[in-house]
Protein backbone atom coordinates (compact mmCIF):
# COMPACT_ATOMS: atom_id res chain seq x y z
CA MET A 1 -14.09 -41.09 -99.44
CA ASN A 2 -12.49 -43.36 -96.82
CA ARG A 3 -10.66 -46.73 -97.17
CA ARG A 4 -13.63 -49.01 -96.32
CA GLU A 5 -16.12 -46.93 -98.13
CA PHE A 6 -13.69 -47.20 -100.96
CA VAL A 7 -13.50 -50.96 -100.64
CA LYS A 8 -17.13 -51.50 -100.57
CA ALA A 9 -17.60 -49.28 -103.39
CA SER A 10 -14.67 -51.43 -105.29
CA ALA A 11 -16.77 -54.39 -104.45
CA ALA A 12 -19.77 -53.32 -105.72
CA GLY A 13 -18.50 -52.20 -108.95
CA VAL A 14 -16.46 -55.40 -109.41
CA ALA A 15 -19.81 -57.58 -108.57
CA MET A 16 -21.61 -55.71 -111.48
CA SER A 17 -19.27 -56.05 -113.64
CA VAL A 18 -18.78 -59.76 -113.40
CA ILE A 19 -22.89 -59.96 -113.33
CA GLY A 20 -22.66 -58.23 -116.83
CA ARG A 21 -19.91 -60.74 -118.17
CA TYR A 22 -22.03 -63.79 -116.21
CA PRO A 23 -25.84 -63.21 -116.76
CA ARG A 24 -26.89 -66.65 -116.48
CA LEU A 25 -24.48 -67.34 -113.30
CA PHE A 26 -25.92 -64.14 -111.33
CA ALA A 27 -29.16 -63.90 -112.71
CA ALA A 28 -30.57 -63.59 -109.42
CA GLU A 29 -27.87 -61.77 -107.96
CA ARG A 30 -27.96 -63.35 -104.63
CA THR A 31 -25.65 -63.22 -102.11
CA ARG A 32 -23.56 -66.53 -101.15
CA ARG A 33 -23.26 -67.14 -97.61
CA ILE A 34 -20.20 -68.70 -97.08
CA GLY A 35 -18.25 -70.68 -94.40
CA LEU A 36 -14.79 -71.23 -94.18
CA ILE A 37 -13.01 -73.87 -92.01
CA GLY A 38 -9.02 -73.19 -91.95
CA ALA A 39 -8.26 -69.70 -91.66
CA GLY A 40 -4.53 -69.51 -92.50
CA TRP A 41 -2.83 -68.23 -95.22
CA TYR A 42 -4.07 -70.25 -98.43
CA GLY A 43 -7.87 -69.90 -96.92
CA LYS A 44 -7.79 -66.51 -96.63
CA SER A 45 -5.96 -66.17 -100.14
CA ALA A 46 -8.68 -68.11 -101.77
CA LEU A 47 -11.56 -66.59 -99.80
CA LEU A 48 -10.64 -62.95 -100.84
CA ARG A 49 -10.58 -63.89 -104.42
CA LEU A 50 -14.19 -64.81 -104.15
CA LEU A 51 -15.34 -61.70 -102.59
CA GLN A 52 -13.63 -59.70 -105.58
CA VAL A 53 -15.90 -61.51 -107.95
CA ALA A 54 -19.35 -62.25 -106.68
CA PRO A 55 -22.02 -61.34 -104.63
CA ALA A 56 -21.01 -63.08 -101.56
CA GLU A 57 -20.93 -62.80 -97.60
CA VAL A 58 -18.34 -64.94 -95.07
CA VAL A 59 -20.60 -65.10 -92.36
CA CYS A 60 -18.16 -67.57 -90.18
CA LEU A 61 -14.92 -68.66 -89.85
CA CYS A 62 -13.57 -71.53 -88.12
CA ASP A 63 -10.30 -72.10 -86.83
CA VAL A 64 -8.07 -74.31 -83.75
CA ASP A 65 -5.22 -71.16 -83.45
CA ARG A 66 -7.43 -68.08 -82.09
CA ASN A 67 -4.99 -65.60 -83.21
CA MET A 68 -5.17 -66.51 -86.66
CA LEU A 69 -8.86 -67.07 -86.36
CA ALA A 70 -8.78 -63.42 -84.93
CA GLU A 71 -6.59 -61.90 -87.69
CA ALA A 72 -8.72 -63.31 -90.56
CA ALA A 73 -11.98 -62.21 -88.98
CA GLU A 74 -10.49 -58.84 -89.20
CA LEU A 75 -9.07 -59.02 -92.57
CA VAL A 76 -12.85 -60.32 -94.10
CA ALA A 77 -14.59 -57.70 -92.31
CA SER A 78 -12.32 -54.87 -93.91
CA ARG A 79 -12.66 -56.61 -97.37
CA GLN A 80 -16.46 -57.79 -97.37
CA ALA A 81 -19.00 -55.43 -98.91
CA SER A 82 -21.32 -55.55 -95.65
CA GLY A 83 -18.57 -54.46 -93.20
CA LYS A 84 -19.81 -57.27 -91.10
CA THR A 85 -17.32 -59.33 -89.21
CA PRO A 86 -17.63 -63.14 -89.31
CA ARG A 87 -19.09 -65.25 -86.24
CA THR A 88 -15.69 -67.33 -84.97
CA TYR A 89 -15.55 -71.20 -84.39
CA ALA A 90 -12.64 -73.54 -82.91
CA ASP A 91 -14.56 -76.56 -83.66
CA TYR A 92 -15.81 -76.96 -87.59
CA ARG A 93 -18.88 -79.21 -86.22
CA GLU A 94 -20.82 -76.55 -84.13
CA MET A 95 -19.99 -73.95 -87.21
CA LEU A 96 -21.50 -76.50 -89.44
CA LYS A 97 -24.96 -76.39 -87.19
CA GLN A 98 -25.31 -72.74 -88.58
CA GLU A 99 -28.58 -72.55 -90.32
CA ASP A 100 -27.10 -69.13 -92.74
CA LEU A 101 -24.59 -71.44 -94.80
CA ASP A 102 -24.85 -72.21 -98.64
CA ILE A 103 -21.16 -72.88 -99.09
CA VAL A 104 -18.04 -74.26 -96.90
CA GLN A 105 -14.37 -73.59 -97.72
CA VAL A 106 -12.34 -76.49 -96.27
CA SER A 107 -8.73 -75.25 -96.43
CA THR A 108 -7.31 -76.98 -93.62
CA PRO A 109 -3.90 -79.14 -93.47
CA ASP A 110 -4.23 -81.98 -95.41
CA HIS A 111 -5.28 -84.54 -92.39
CA TRP A 112 -8.51 -82.78 -91.94
CA HIS A 113 -9.45 -82.32 -95.48
CA ALA A 114 -11.72 -85.54 -95.60
CA LEU A 115 -13.80 -85.52 -92.34
CA ALA A 116 -14.61 -82.05 -92.42
CA MET A 117 -15.82 -82.14 -96.29
CA ILE A 118 -17.66 -85.33 -95.84
CA ALA A 119 -19.44 -83.34 -92.35
CA ALA A 120 -20.40 -79.99 -94.66
CA VAL A 121 -21.87 -82.29 -97.64
CA GLN A 122 -24.01 -84.20 -95.03
CA ALA A 123 -24.88 -80.82 -93.79
CA GLY A 124 -26.42 -80.13 -96.77
CA ARG A 125 -23.55 -77.74 -97.94
CA ASP A 126 -21.77 -77.36 -101.65
CA VAL A 127 -17.71 -77.55 -100.99
CA TRP A 128 -14.68 -76.10 -102.28
CA VAL A 129 -11.69 -78.12 -100.56
CA GLU A 130 -7.89 -77.67 -101.05
CA LYS A 131 -5.50 -80.18 -102.53
CA PRO A 132 -4.71 -82.86 -102.40
CA THR A 133 -8.42 -83.84 -101.59
CA SER A 134 -7.13 -86.69 -98.67
CA HIS A 135 -4.37 -88.03 -96.61
CA ASP A 136 -5.21 -91.58 -97.49
CA VAL A 137 -6.68 -93.27 -100.57
CA VAL A 138 -9.42 -94.49 -98.80
CA GLU A 139 -10.37 -91.03 -97.51
CA GLY A 140 -10.41 -89.60 -101.21
CA GLN A 141 -12.97 -92.65 -102.24
CA ALA A 142 -15.28 -91.93 -99.09
CA MET A 143 -14.97 -88.11 -99.93
CA VAL A 144 -16.28 -88.90 -103.76
CA ALA A 145 -18.96 -91.32 -102.20
CA ALA A 146 -20.43 -88.61 -99.90
CA ALA A 147 -20.51 -86.06 -102.85
CA ARG A 148 -22.66 -88.24 -104.72
CA LYS A 149 -24.67 -89.90 -101.96
CA TYR A 150 -25.60 -85.90 -100.51
CA GLY A 151 -25.85 -84.67 -104.40
CA ARG A 152 -23.57 -81.51 -103.41
CA VAL A 153 -21.07 -80.26 -105.84
CA VAL A 154 -17.52 -79.84 -104.89
CA GLN A 155 -14.69 -78.23 -106.16
CA VAL A 156 -11.03 -79.06 -106.07
CA ASN A 157 -8.66 -75.90 -105.79
CA THR A 158 -6.71 -77.47 -108.45
CA GLU A 159 -6.67 -74.04 -110.50
CA ARG A 160 -4.34 -75.23 -112.96
CA ARG A 161 -7.86 -76.03 -115.00
CA SER A 162 -8.76 -72.18 -114.17
CA THR A 163 -5.27 -70.60 -115.24
CA PRO A 164 -5.80 -68.38 -118.52
CA HIS A 165 -2.51 -68.88 -120.05
CA LEU A 166 -2.66 -72.87 -119.62
CA ILE A 167 -5.99 -72.99 -121.12
CA GLU A 168 -5.16 -71.51 -124.04
CA ALA A 169 -1.96 -73.96 -124.23
CA LYS A 170 -4.46 -76.52 -123.86
CA ARG A 171 -6.79 -75.03 -126.47
CA GLU A 172 -4.40 -73.71 -128.90
CA ILE A 173 -1.03 -76.22 -128.82
CA ILE A 174 -2.29 -79.46 -127.45
CA GLU A 175 -5.67 -80.17 -128.84
CA GLN A 176 -4.55 -78.65 -132.47
CA GLY A 177 -1.95 -81.16 -132.61
CA LYS A 178 1.01 -78.80 -132.86
CA LEU A 179 3.08 -81.15 -130.76
CA GLY A 180 1.84 -84.16 -132.70
CA LYS A 181 2.09 -87.48 -130.96
CA ILE A 182 3.03 -87.04 -127.22
CA ALA A 183 4.89 -89.84 -125.61
CA GLN A 184 6.33 -88.37 -122.41
CA VAL A 185 5.33 -85.33 -120.06
CA GLU A 186 7.97 -84.64 -117.41
CA ILE A 187 6.75 -82.76 -114.42
CA CYS A 188 9.12 -81.82 -111.82
CA CYS A 189 9.49 -79.25 -108.71
CA TYR A 190 13.05 -78.14 -107.39
CA TYR A 191 12.20 -75.46 -104.95
CA HIS A 192 13.85 -75.64 -101.72
CA MET A 193 10.62 -75.64 -99.75
CA ARG A 194 11.45 -78.69 -97.12
CA ALA A 195 11.51 -77.31 -93.67
CA ARG A 196 15.04 -77.26 -92.45
CA GLY A 197 16.37 -77.12 -88.97
CA ASN A 198 15.81 -79.32 -85.88
CA PRO A 199 14.49 -77.31 -83.06
CA PRO A 200 13.23 -78.94 -80.04
CA ASP A 201 9.85 -79.84 -79.43
CA THR A 202 8.13 -77.27 -77.07
CA THR A 203 4.46 -76.70 -75.16
CA PRO A 204 2.23 -75.55 -77.62
CA PRO A 205 1.47 -71.87 -77.65
CA ALA A 206 -1.91 -70.98 -75.52
CA HIS A 207 -3.77 -69.49 -78.62
CA LEU A 208 -3.17 -72.99 -80.21
CA ASP A 209 -5.50 -76.05 -79.58
CA TRP A 210 -2.97 -78.65 -80.91
CA ASP A 211 -4.94 -81.30 -79.89
CA MET A 212 -7.60 -80.26 -81.98
CA TRP A 213 -4.93 -79.34 -84.45
CA THR A 214 -3.78 -82.89 -84.68
CA GLY A 215 -7.28 -84.32 -84.59
CA PRO A 216 -7.14 -88.34 -86.39
CA ALA A 217 -3.69 -88.15 -87.16
CA THR A 218 -0.86 -89.53 -84.96
CA LEU A 219 -0.03 -87.12 -81.99
CA ARG A 220 3.28 -85.60 -81.82
CA PRO A 221 4.76 -83.17 -79.22
CA TYR A 222 4.28 -79.62 -80.84
CA ASN A 223 7.03 -78.19 -82.44
CA PRO A 224 7.28 -74.89 -84.37
CA LEU A 225 8.15 -76.57 -87.75
CA ALA A 226 4.89 -77.63 -87.73
CA HIS A 227 2.65 -74.77 -87.67
CA PRO A 228 1.48 -72.30 -89.32
CA ARG A 229 2.22 -73.37 -92.77
CA ARG A 230 5.05 -75.90 -92.62
CA TRP A 231 2.87 -78.60 -91.40
CA ARG A 232 3.85 -80.14 -95.58
CA SER A 233 7.09 -81.04 -94.36
CA PHE A 234 5.83 -83.90 -92.02
CA THR A 235 4.11 -87.41 -93.16
CA GLU A 236 1.78 -87.31 -89.87
CA TYR A 237 0.16 -84.24 -91.69
CA SER A 238 0.83 -84.60 -95.22
CA ASN A 239 1.82 -86.44 -98.49
CA GLY A 240 4.85 -84.49 -98.56
CA ILE A 241 6.08 -82.50 -101.96
CA VAL A 242 4.23 -85.22 -104.21
CA GLY A 243 0.94 -84.33 -102.68
CA ASP A 244 1.45 -80.89 -102.79
CA MET A 245 3.21 -80.02 -105.52
CA CYS A 246 3.59 -82.96 -108.08
CA VAL A 247 -0.36 -83.18 -107.46
CA HIS A 248 -1.00 -79.70 -109.26
CA MET A 249 1.41 -80.43 -112.14
CA LEU A 250 -0.10 -84.27 -112.39
CA ASP A 251 -3.65 -82.59 -112.42
CA ALA A 252 -3.30 -80.10 -115.19
CA VAL A 253 -1.28 -82.73 -117.38
CA ARG A 254 -4.34 -85.10 -116.94
CA TRP A 255 -6.74 -82.28 -117.72
CA MET A 256 -4.81 -80.78 -120.77
CA MET A 257 -4.26 -84.44 -122.25
CA GLY A 258 -7.84 -85.90 -121.11
CA LEU A 259 -6.30 -88.56 -118.94
CA GLY A 260 -8.00 -90.69 -116.48
CA TRP A 261 -5.89 -93.05 -113.88
CA PRO A 262 -2.50 -94.59 -115.06
CA ASN A 263 -2.25 -98.56 -115.12
CA HIS A 264 1.03 -98.47 -113.25
CA ILE A 265 2.78 -96.58 -110.67
CA SER A 266 6.23 -96.59 -109.67
CA SER A 267 8.71 -94.38 -107.30
CA SER A 268 12.18 -94.23 -105.68
CA GLY A 269 13.74 -91.64 -103.50
CA GLY A 270 14.50 -90.78 -99.81
CA ILE A 271 16.08 -88.27 -97.76
CA PHE A 272 19.40 -88.07 -99.20
CA VAL A 273 21.04 -84.70 -98.32
CA ASP A 274 19.17 -82.75 -95.67
CA THR A 275 19.38 -85.56 -93.14
CA ASN A 276 19.63 -83.42 -90.05
CA SER A 277 16.58 -81.89 -90.20
CA LYS A 278 13.61 -82.80 -88.56
CA ALA A 279 11.51 -82.96 -91.32
CA ASN A 280 10.74 -86.78 -92.44
CA ILE A 281 9.59 -86.19 -96.29
CA THR A 282 11.93 -87.11 -98.98
CA ASP A 283 14.16 -84.38 -99.99
CA THR A 284 14.68 -86.50 -103.31
CA GLN A 285 12.04 -88.26 -105.11
CA THR A 286 11.35 -89.77 -108.66
CA ALA A 287 7.76 -91.20 -109.77
CA THR A 288 6.23 -92.85 -113.01
CA PHE A 289 3.15 -92.57 -114.08
CA ALA A 290 2.30 -95.21 -116.63
CA TYR A 291 -0.44 -94.97 -119.14
CA ASP A 292 -1.02 -96.85 -122.26
CA ASP A 293 1.58 -95.28 -124.75
CA LEU A 294 2.58 -92.34 -122.48
CA ASN A 295 4.76 -92.07 -119.28
CA VAL A 296 4.14 -89.24 -117.16
CA VAL A 297 7.52 -88.80 -114.90
CA TRP A 298 7.99 -86.27 -111.90
CA GLN A 299 10.71 -85.43 -110.37
CA HIS A 300 11.69 -83.34 -107.42
CA ARG A 301 14.83 -82.01 -105.06
CA THR A 302 14.60 -80.06 -101.99
CA TRP A 303 18.51 -79.12 -102.88
CA GLY A 304 20.85 -78.52 -105.68
CA GLU A 305 19.68 -76.20 -108.72
CA ALA A 306 16.75 -76.69 -111.06
CA PRO A 307 17.83 -77.99 -114.81
CA ASP A 308 16.24 -75.20 -116.32
CA LYS A 309 16.27 -72.25 -114.03
CA GLU A 310 13.33 -70.74 -116.43
CA TYR A 311 11.25 -74.06 -115.14
CA PRO A 312 11.63 -75.26 -111.72
CA TRP A 313 8.02 -76.34 -111.07
CA ALA A 314 6.52 -77.20 -114.55
CA MET A 315 5.40 -79.74 -116.85
CA VAL A 316 7.24 -80.33 -120.17
CA PHE A 317 5.25 -81.78 -122.74
CA TYR A 318 7.38 -83.72 -125.65
CA GLY A 319 5.77 -84.72 -128.93
CA ASP A 320 7.06 -85.45 -132.15
CA LYS A 321 6.41 -82.31 -133.49
CA GLY A 322 7.65 -79.90 -130.84
CA THR A 323 7.69 -79.24 -126.81
CA LEU A 324 5.60 -77.64 -124.72
CA LYS A 325 6.96 -75.86 -121.29
CA ALA A 326 4.59 -74.76 -118.99
CA ASP A 327 4.03 -73.49 -115.56
CA VAL A 328 2.14 -70.98 -113.47
CA HIS A 329 3.99 -68.20 -115.04
CA LYS A 330 4.29 -68.82 -118.58
CA TYR A 331 4.60 -71.43 -121.45
CA ASP A 332 6.61 -71.91 -124.45
CA PHE A 333 6.05 -74.11 -127.34
CA ILE A 334 8.77 -74.80 -129.51
CA PRO A 335 8.56 -76.63 -133.03
CA ARG A 336 10.92 -79.24 -134.47
CA GLY A 337 12.32 -78.45 -137.45
CA GLY A 338 12.05 -74.57 -137.72
CA GLY A 339 8.56 -73.02 -137.38
CA ARG A 340 7.69 -70.25 -134.96
CA PRO A 341 7.86 -70.39 -131.23
CA ILE A 342 4.82 -69.27 -129.09
CA HIS A 343 5.25 -67.49 -125.81
CA ARG A 344 2.73 -66.50 -123.44
CA ASP A 345 2.83 -65.00 -119.95
CA VAL A 346 0.60 -65.08 -117.05
CA THR A 347 -2.19 -62.82 -117.11
CA TYR A 348 -2.22 -60.33 -114.42
CA GLU A 349 -5.27 -57.94 -113.22
CA LEU A 350 -3.77 -55.96 -110.77
CA GLU A 351 -5.54 -52.77 -111.98
CA GLN A 352 -8.93 -54.72 -112.08
CA TYR A 353 -8.40 -55.97 -108.90
CA PRO A 354 -6.00 -53.45 -106.78
CA GLU A 355 -5.82 -55.22 -103.41
CA ASP A 356 -3.78 -57.53 -105.33
CA LYS A 357 -0.98 -55.17 -105.44
CA THR A 358 -0.63 -55.12 -101.48
CA GLU A 359 -2.49 -57.99 -100.08
CA LYS A 360 0.23 -59.96 -97.70
CA ASP A 361 1.19 -63.34 -99.10
CA LEU A 362 -0.93 -63.03 -102.08
CA GLU A 363 0.68 -64.67 -104.93
CA LYS A 364 -0.27 -62.40 -107.76
CA HIS A 365 0.03 -64.67 -110.69
CA VAL A 366 -2.29 -67.02 -109.29
CA ALA A 367 -4.86 -64.72 -108.62
CA PRO A 368 -6.64 -64.56 -112.04
CA ALA A 369 -6.76 -68.62 -111.87
CA LEU A 370 -8.65 -68.80 -108.50
CA ARG A 371 -11.09 -65.83 -109.24
CA ALA A 372 -11.98 -67.98 -112.50
CA HIS A 373 -11.97 -71.02 -110.47
CA TRP A 374 -14.65 -69.69 -108.08
CA LEU A 375 -16.74 -68.44 -110.95
CA ASN A 376 -17.14 -72.02 -112.02
CA PHE A 377 -17.45 -73.47 -109.14
CA LEU A 378 -20.51 -71.10 -108.43
CA GLU A 379 -22.16 -72.06 -111.84
CA ALA A 380 -21.91 -75.46 -111.29
CA VAL A 381 -23.95 -74.94 -107.94
CA ASP A 382 -26.29 -72.83 -109.83
CA ASN A 383 -26.70 -75.17 -112.47
CA ARG A 384 -26.16 -78.66 -110.32
CA THR A 385 -23.56 -79.82 -112.46
CA LYS A 386 -19.96 -81.08 -112.15
CA PRO A 387 -17.35 -78.12 -111.85
CA VAL A 388 -14.11 -78.40 -113.73
CA ALA A 389 -12.40 -79.48 -110.53
CA ASP A 390 -15.09 -81.87 -109.73
CA ILE A 391 -14.23 -84.30 -106.40
CA GLU A 392 -13.81 -87.11 -108.81
CA GLU A 393 -11.23 -85.38 -110.83
CA GLY A 394 -9.36 -84.46 -107.82
CA HIS A 395 -9.55 -87.75 -106.13
CA ILE A 396 -7.79 -89.10 -109.07
CA SER A 397 -4.94 -86.76 -108.96
CA SER A 398 -4.88 -86.81 -105.68
CA ALA A 399 -4.85 -90.43 -105.03
CA THR A 400 -2.17 -91.17 -107.67
CA CYS A 401 0.09 -89.27 -106.18
CA ILE A 402 -0.19 -90.74 -102.90
CA LEU A 403 -0.06 -94.22 -104.91
CA ALA A 404 3.33 -92.77 -105.64
CA ASN A 405 4.48 -92.60 -102.10
CA VAL A 406 3.21 -96.22 -101.41
CA ALA A 407 5.09 -97.54 -104.19
CA ARG A 408 8.62 -95.64 -102.90
CA ARG A 409 7.75 -97.50 -99.12
CA VAL A 410 6.84 -101.25 -100.72
CA GLY A 411 9.69 -100.78 -103.49
CA ARG A 412 7.92 -101.70 -106.45
CA THR A 413 5.90 -100.83 -109.26
CA LEU A 414 1.70 -101.14 -108.51
CA THR A 415 -0.97 -101.65 -110.88
CA TRP A 416 -4.05 -100.11 -110.06
CA ASP A 417 -7.65 -101.41 -110.47
CA PRO A 418 -9.58 -98.14 -110.66
CA VAL A 419 -12.90 -100.21 -110.61
CA ALA A 420 -12.36 -102.02 -107.25
CA GLY A 421 -9.67 -99.18 -105.96
CA ARG A 422 -7.15 -101.37 -105.12
CA VAL A 423 -3.85 -102.32 -106.18
CA VAL A 424 -3.57 -105.53 -107.88
CA GLY A 425 -2.15 -108.72 -105.73
CA ASP A 426 -0.83 -106.81 -103.35
CA ASP A 427 -1.41 -106.94 -99.90
CA GLN A 428 1.08 -105.00 -98.23
CA ALA A 429 0.36 -101.85 -100.98
CA ASN A 430 -3.37 -102.24 -99.99
CA GLY A 431 -2.97 -101.83 -96.05
CA LEU A 432 -0.87 -98.69 -96.98
CA LEU A 433 -4.32 -97.53 -98.50
CA LYS A 434 -5.65 -96.56 -95.11
CA LYS A 435 -4.14 -94.90 -92.22
CA THR A 436 -4.90 -95.49 -88.75
CA TYR A 437 -6.99 -92.77 -87.10
CA ARG A 438 -6.40 -91.48 -83.38
CA SER A 439 -9.30 -91.95 -81.30
CA PRO A 440 -12.02 -90.94 -81.09
CA TRP A 441 -11.94 -89.78 -84.61
CA VAL A 442 -13.48 -92.72 -86.99
CA HIS A 443 -12.13 -93.19 -90.65
CA PRO A 444 -14.55 -92.45 -93.12
CA GLU A 445 -15.40 -95.12 -95.47
CA PRO A 446 -17.20 -95.08 -99.07
CA GLY A 447 -19.97 -97.51 -97.40
CA ASN A 448 -20.40 -95.54 -94.31
CA VAL A 449 -20.52 -91.84 -95.44
């Protein structure tokens, strides 16, 4: 048996085992036809997890980087059961005209999420979209409105909601009351992940359509720090580390505790240490999300040491009966006044899915959560229900993080009105809820999708 035959046989075996575990989901055993917009690192990582657990055919791929697109097409062909090479497109609008599409995966940089996702639901497709949902608050409002107007299922890839050991912590620690009254949660990231250096701007490489890559964002000269993968270090394309890393942990806290919008948001910080880098996102920032009787406090630093080296990107729940530390790798429950501590590690599935062992750049600890997140999404698609990370939930978490950046810019605490979708009594802050789009792109609004 050659490698391709082995992969096909393995995929078929995995699909049959999953069908046995989820008979309602796969009762018809129909093949889902998938199109991916944004064929970079995380787009491929998530898409290949779907191919491991469901009858699916990737029929088309879209990216403005020809080299990245060709690499993704070759990789997908080697991994999907049919062995077929997906059709490729440079413009997502052309891809969405194709009739043989059931689901669209949007894995572009943040500044492209809204336009691509809204166009996909308008074309009648259900959507998987990466976090943060949007680049500004009004985009997110428009995305929720579009999903509801066109009756489409939209899953946001905040996959902590599908992480096995965190599901256990939610059920066995928080919901069982082992922490008692929780009055503060601290969330943090101390990874040195902000782009460093100050290379000169250059002519874009021939294989990259820089104008289309920039899209509705402010047109900066091409710089190798921006593409590929390090675009999150620029506010023109992202919401910085708050939008990238805080949104995961804030969303997990909200899900584990059943929280909605905070009442007040405050934030401070700036570029305090790495002042020579071309990156323009903060290297130091603190934000407080205040609920009725609970503060959720975020902090990131892209320099120095983490206070707890075991939990450098984490959430810590403080209750009057104990403390729960949790991250993507593990959790620890420490009861007060004695009692038995509880430790759990991430669930790896390397033997069940041997491709995980060798796949380039795969975060092996995240793979089980991605597979479960896809299955939850597909079940919601079949039943026309909301998935665990429905677009509205993703919008709340994403917009809350964006509001922290707004609060930092205006230098004061914001009071949020979730019904009006506005900051109470603050015209300056409300003026920052919507970015200016570069022509000819038109900013979506909740009322015009």
